[in-house]
Every structure is written in C-alpha cells, then in structure tokens.
Protein backbone atom coordinates (compact mmCIF):
# COMPACT_ATOMS: atom_id res chain seq x y z
CA MET A 1 98.26 73.60 121.45
CA ILE A 2 96.97 76.49 119.30
CA SER A 3 97.27 74.59 116.01
CA SER A 4 94.46 72.26 117.11
CA TYR A 5 92.04 75.26 117.39
CA ARG A 6 92.78 76.61 113.91
CA LEU A 7 90.15 76.63 111.24
CA PRO A 8 90.62 74.57 108.11
CA ALA A 9 92.24 76.28 105.03
CA ARG A 10 88.89 76.50 103.15
CA ALA A 11 87.65 78.91 105.83
CA ALA A 12 90.19 81.50 104.68
CA VAL A 13 87.83 82.63 101.89
CA PHE A 14 85.48 83.96 104.64
CA VAL A 15 87.93 84.80 107.41
CA MET A 16 90.02 87.20 105.41
CA PRO A 17 87.09 89.35 104.21
CA LEU A 18 85.62 89.19 107.77
CA LEU A 19 88.78 90.54 109.39
CA LEU A 20 89.52 93.00 106.68
CA SER A 21 85.89 94.37 106.86
CA ILE A 22 86.07 94.61 110.65
CA LEU A 23 89.30 96.57 110.71
CA MET A 24 88.68 98.83 107.71
CA THR A 25 85.22 99.84 108.76
CA PHE A 26 86.40 100.46 112.32
CA VAL A 27 89.08 102.88 111.17
CA VAL A 28 87.17 104.67 108.45
CA SER A 29 84.00 105.01 110.52
CA GLY A 30 86.02 106.41 113.43
CA ILE A 31 87.68 108.99 111.22
CA ALA A 32 84.31 110.02 109.58
CA THR A 33 82.55 110.25 113.01
CA LEU A 34 85.38 112.26 114.48
CA ARG A 35 85.30 114.68 111.69
CA THR A 36 81.50 115.18 111.95
CA LEU A 37 81.17 115.27 115.77
CA GLY A 38 84.59 116.07 117.07
CA LEU A 39 85.82 114.55 120.22
CA THR A 40 82.58 114.99 122.22
CA PRO A 41 80.98 112.72 124.83
CA ALA A 42 78.67 111.45 122.05
CA PHE A 43 81.56 110.32 119.86
CA PRO A 44 82.01 106.67 121.22
CA SER A 45 78.40 105.66 120.86
CA ALA A 46 78.04 107.42 117.47
CA TRP A 47 81.19 105.75 116.22
CA MET A 48 80.02 102.34 117.30
CA GLY A 49 76.66 102.89 115.51
CA ALA A 50 78.37 103.98 112.43
CA TRP A 51 80.83 101.11 112.63
CA GLY A 52 78.11 98.48 113.01
CA LEU A 53 76.15 99.79 110.00
CA SER A 54 79.19 100.18 107.85
CA TRP A 55 80.36 96.61 108.68
CA LEU A 56 76.93 95.18 107.78
CA VAL A 57 77.36 96.63 104.37
CA ALA A 58 81.15 96.12 103.92
CA PHE A 59 81.32 92.36 104.72
CA PRO A 60 78.91 91.16 102.08
CA VAL A 61 80.36 93.62 99.60
CA LEU A 62 83.79 92.23 100.19
CA LEU A 63 82.54 88.68 99.77
CA LEU A 64 81.19 89.62 96.25
CA VAL A 65 83.99 91.89 95.12
CA LEU A 66 87.08 90.13 96.48
CA PRO A 67 87.20 87.44 93.66
CA ILE A 68 87.04 90.24 91.02
CA VAL A 69 89.82 92.09 92.84
CA ARG A 70 92.00 89.00 92.95
CA ARG A 71 91.63 88.50 89.20
CA LEU A 72 92.49 92.07 88.50
CA VAL A 73 95.64 91.79 90.71
CA GLY A 74 96.54 88.70 88.78
CA LEU A 75 96.35 90.65 85.55
CA ILE A 76 98.40 93.64 86.91
CA CYS A 77 101.12 91.67 88.91
CA ARG A 78 103.42 88.86 87.86
CA PRO A 79 103.06 85.64 89.75
CA ALA A 80 105.65 84.88 92.45
C-alpha cells in the first residue's frame, strides 16, 4: 500500500518548499536559458547547469521566506 510509504505530516514543512523550488526553478531557468541561448545544441546542458545553481539558492530561501509569506497571506485572506 502506498499510504505506508508516506512521510509523517511534520515533514510537509520541508517537502512543500522542496517540490516548489524544484518545479519553479526548472521552469524559470528553462525560460531564461532559452531566451539567452535559443534552441541550440548547448541548450540542455546550459539549462541543467542554470537549474542546479538556481535550485541551490531557491530552496534555502524558500525555507526562510515561507513562514513570512504564510503570515502575510493570513493577514490578507480570511480564514476558511
């Protein structure tokens, strides 16, 4: 069963920024690299290099900033 392989709920504080940083940096670095190089043979390796570096910065930044963003959202939006 899949449910036996799930992480505990307390891991969500790290899993959410991990997945968000992976997906966002993948898309943004791809767009920026495509704009810079165009669709050339060097594009895939340049993209992966840019993605790796941007993820190394984005993940720790998200860990630091996400609690502040959650508080701000709480001030702007009514609770459910």
